[in-house]
Amino acid sequence: MSDAGLPAFPACGAAALEAARIMADIQIAQTMALAVQDAADHLRNVETIAATAQGTVLRRILESGVSDGAELLAAIQMMMSQGQDNLERVGNLARTVLDGMR
């Protein structure tokens, strides 16, 4: 088995423990970054769906002359708000985790 490409660490001792801690910190930071990115992607997708749905509802209102889409527009707005809340919650949790690593 080849060790090519792997960093050289002492078999034991403080240096190995410090190297392991640094590697773990990097993995945790990357995981938090991915979680925030996933939440941002989710919000972007929700915004796309919401814009499409709002356009469809508004087109119906304009075509029919009846403003019966108020409930749908409120539901769409709630969906947007929940997506924003999710991104904020994930961001805050990631910040808490990363602050705990200092």
C-alpha atoms as a PDB file:
ATOM      1  CA  MET A   1       0.000   0.000   0.000  1.00  0.00           C
ATOM      2  CA  SER A   2       1.446   3.372  -1.022  1.00  0.00           C
ATOM      3  CA  ASP A   3       1.420   6.477   1.149  1.00  0.00           C
ATOM      4  CA  ALA A   4       1.893   8.764  -1.864  1.00  0.00           C
ATOM      5  CA  GLY A   5      -0.026  11.993  -1.489  1.00  0.00           C
ATOM      6  CA  LEU A   6      -0.635  11.582   2.217  1.00  0.00           C
ATOM      7  CA  PRO A   7       0.981  14.001   4.645  1.00  0.00           C
ATOM      8  CA  ALA A   8       3.642  12.520   6.867  1.00  0.00           C
ATOM      9  CA  PHE A   9       2.674  12.454  10.560  1.00  0.00           C
ATOM     10  CA  PRO A  10       4.614  11.129  13.497  1.00  0.00           C
ATOM     11  CA  ALA A  11       3.260   7.822  14.713  1.00  0.00           C
ATOM     12  CA  CYS A  12       2.291   9.337  18.050  1.00  0.00           C
ATOM     13  CA  GLY A  13       2.655  12.441  20.092  1.00  0.00           C
ATOM     14  CA  ALA A  14       1.331  15.971  20.255  1.00  0.00           C
ATOM     15  CA  ALA A  15       2.005  16.725  16.585  1.00  0.00           C
ATOM     16  CA  ALA A  16      -0.204  13.849  15.460  1.00  0.00           C
ATOM     17  CA  LEU A  17      -2.977  14.922  17.787  1.00  0.00           C
ATOM     18  CA  GLU A  18      -2.745  18.522  16.565  1.00  0.00           C
ATOM     19  CA  ALA A  19      -2.779  17.375  12.928  1.00  0.00           C
ATOM     20  CA  ALA A  20      -5.874  15.261  13.596  1.00  0.00           C
ATOM     21  CA  ARG A  21      -7.594  18.206  15.298  1.00  0.00           C
ATOM     22  CA  ILE A  22      -6.818  20.480  12.361  1.00  0.00           C
ATOM     23  CA  MET A  23      -8.122  17.912   9.884  1.00  0.00           C
ATOM     24  CA  ALA A  24     -11.311  17.499  11.930  1.00  0.00           C
ATOM     25  CA  ASP A  25     -11.773  21.278  12.091  1.00  0.00           C
ATOM     26  CA  ILE A  26     -11.423  21.496   8.309  1.00  0.00           C
ATOM     27  CA  GLN A  27     -14.022  18.760   7.820  1.00  0.00           C
ATOM     28  CA  ILE A  28     -16.446  20.429  10.217  1.00  0.00           C
ATOM     29  CA  ALA A  29     -15.996  23.809   8.507  1.00  0.00           C
ATOM     30  CA  GLN A  30     -16.587  22.234   5.086  1.00  0.00           C
ATOM     31  CA  THR A  31     -19.697  20.476   6.353  1.00  0.00           C
ATOM     32  CA  MET A  32     -21.079  23.733   7.753  1.00  0.00           C
ATOM     33  CA  ALA A  33     -20.350  25.507   4.459  1.00  0.00           C
ATOM     34  CA  LEU A  34     -22.197  22.784   2.543  1.00  0.00           C
ATOM     35  CA  ALA A  35     -25.176  22.997   4.902  1.00  0.00           C
ATOM     36  CA  VAL A  36     -25.430  26.764   4.383  1.00  0.00           C
ATOM     37  CA  GLN A  37     -25.044  26.344   0.612  1.00  0.00           C
ATOM     38  CA  ASP A  38     -27.783  23.704   0.560  1.00  0.00           C
ATOM     39  CA  ALA A  39     -30.109  26.035   2.471  1.00  0.00           C
ATOM     40  CA  ALA A  40     -29.294  28.869   0.038  1.00  0.00           C
ATOM     41  CA  ASP A  41     -29.985  26.554  -2.913  1.00  0.00           C
ATOM     42  CA  HIS A  42     -33.277  25.551  -1.317  1.00  0.00           C
ATOM     43  CA  LEU A  43     -34.273  29.198  -0.912  1.00  0.00           C
ATOM     44  CA  ARG A  44     -33.367  29.924  -4.532  1.00  0.00           C
ATOM     45  CA  ASN A  45     -35.515  27.007  -5.682  1.00  0.00           C
ATOM     46  CA  VAL A  46     -38.410  28.126  -3.477  1.00  0.00           C
ATOM     47  CA  GLU A  47     -38.116  31.644  -4.898  1.00  0.00           C
ATOM     48  CA  THR A  48     -38.265  30.260  -8.442  1.00  0.00           C
ATOM     49  CA  ILE A  49     -41.361  28.219  -7.660  1.00  0.00           C
ATOM     50  CA  ALA A  50     -42.955  31.165  -5.840  1.00  0.00           C
ATOM     51  CA  ALA A  51     -42.337  33.578  -8.720  1.00  0.00           C
ATOM     52  CA  THR A  52     -43.860  31.110 -11.176  1.00  0.00           C
ATOM     53  CA  ALA A  53     -46.868  30.477  -8.938  1.00  0.00           C
ATOM     54  CA  GLN A  54     -47.419  34.196  -8.315  1.00  0.00           C
ATOM     55  CA  GLY A  55     -47.314  34.870 -12.035  1.00  0.00           C
ATOM     56  CA  THR A  56     -49.864  32.146 -12.679  1.00  0.00           C
ATOM     57  CA  VAL A  57     -52.201  33.429  -9.961  1.00  0.00           C
ATOM     58  CA  LEU A  58     -51.909  37.018 -11.155  1.00  0.00           C
ATOM     59  CA  ARG A  59     -52.570  35.955 -14.750  1.00  0.00           C
ATOM     60  CA  ARG A  60     -55.728  34.165 -13.596  1.00  0.00           C
ATOM     61  CA  ILE A  61     -56.870  37.238 -11.690  1.00  0.00           C
ATOM     62  CA  LEU A  62     -56.269  39.492 -14.693  1.00  0.00           C
ATOM     63  CA  GLU A  63     -58.003  37.116 -17.104  1.00  0.00           C
ATOM     64  CA  SER A  64     -61.047  36.474 -14.930  1.00  0.00           C
ATOM     65  CA  GLY A  65     -61.353  39.875 -13.307  1.00  0.00           C
ATOM     66  CA  VAL A  66     -62.064  38.102 -10.015  1.00  0.00           C
ATOM     67  CA  SER A  67     -59.586  38.503  -7.195  1.00  0.00           C
ATOM     68  CA  ASP A  68     -60.008  35.032  -5.730  1.00  0.00           C
ATOM     69  CA  GLY A  69     -56.276  34.340  -5.551  1.00  0.00           C
ATOM     70  CA  ALA A  70     -55.614  36.106  -2.261  1.00  0.00           C
ATOM     71  CA  GLU A  71     -55.357  32.830  -0.320  1.00  0.00           C
ATOM     72  CA  LEU A  72     -52.952  31.377  -2.870  1.00  0.00           C
ATOM     73  CA  LEU A  73     -50.796  34.495  -2.814  1.00  0.00           C
ATOM     74  CA  ALA A  74     -50.699  34.348   1.003  1.00  0.00           C
ATOM     75  CA  ALA A  75     -49.647  30.678   0.875  1.00  0.00           C
ATOM     76  CA  ILE A  76     -46.920  31.511  -1.629  1.00  0.00           C
ATOM     77  CA  GLN A  77     -45.665  34.317   0.618  1.00  0.00           C
ATOM     78  CA  MET A  78     -45.633  31.945   3.603  1.00  0.00           C
ATOM     79  CA  MET A  79     -43.590  29.438   1.563  1.00  0.00           C
ATOM     80  CA  MET A  80     -41.063  32.189   0.804  1.00  0.00           C
ATOM     81  CA  SER A  81     -40.911  33.208   4.445  1.00  0.00           C
ATOM     82  CA  GLN A  82     -40.299  29.615   5.540  1.00  0.00           C
ATOM     83  CA  GLY A  83     -37.443  29.289   3.038  1.00  0.00           C
ATOM     84  CA  GLN A  84     -35.863  32.469   4.367  1.00  0.00           C
ATOM     85  CA  ASP A  85     -36.306  31.279   7.947  1.00  0.00           C
ATOM     86  CA  ASN A  86     -34.655  27.972   7.057  1.00  0.00           C
ATOM     87  CA  LEU A  87     -31.607  29.713   5.603  1.00  0.00           C
ATOM     88  CA  GLU A  88     -31.323  31.952   8.651  1.00  0.00           C
ATOM     89  CA  ARG A  89     -31.674  28.989  11.032  1.00  0.00           C
ATOM     90  CA  VAL A  90     -29.046  26.913   9.214  1.00  0.00           C
ATOM     91  CA  GLY A  91     -26.693  29.896   9.043  1.00  0.00           C
ATOM     92  CA  ASN A  92     -27.062  30.559  12.750  1.00  0.00           C
ATOM     93  CA  LEU A  93     -26.471  26.904  13.616  1.00  0.00           C
ATOM     94  CA  ALA A  94     -23.384  26.809  11.405  1.00  0.00           C
ATOM     95  CA  ARG A  95     -22.083  29.972  13.088  1.00  0.00           C
ATOM     96  CA  THR A  96     -22.667  28.420  16.506  1.00  0.00           C
ATOM     97  CA  VAL A  97     -20.760  25.271  15.542  1.00  0.00           C
ATOM     98  CA  LEU A  98     -17.879  27.236  14.006  1.00  0.00           C
ATOM     99  CA  ASP A  99     -17.711  29.621  16.986  1.00  0.00           C
ATOM    100  CA  GLY A 100     -17.458  26.564  19.244  1.00  0.00           C
ATOM    101  CA  MET A 101     -14.320  25.457  17.379  1.00  0.00           C
ATOM    102  CA  ARG A 102     -12.324  28.557  18.355  1.00  0.00           C
END
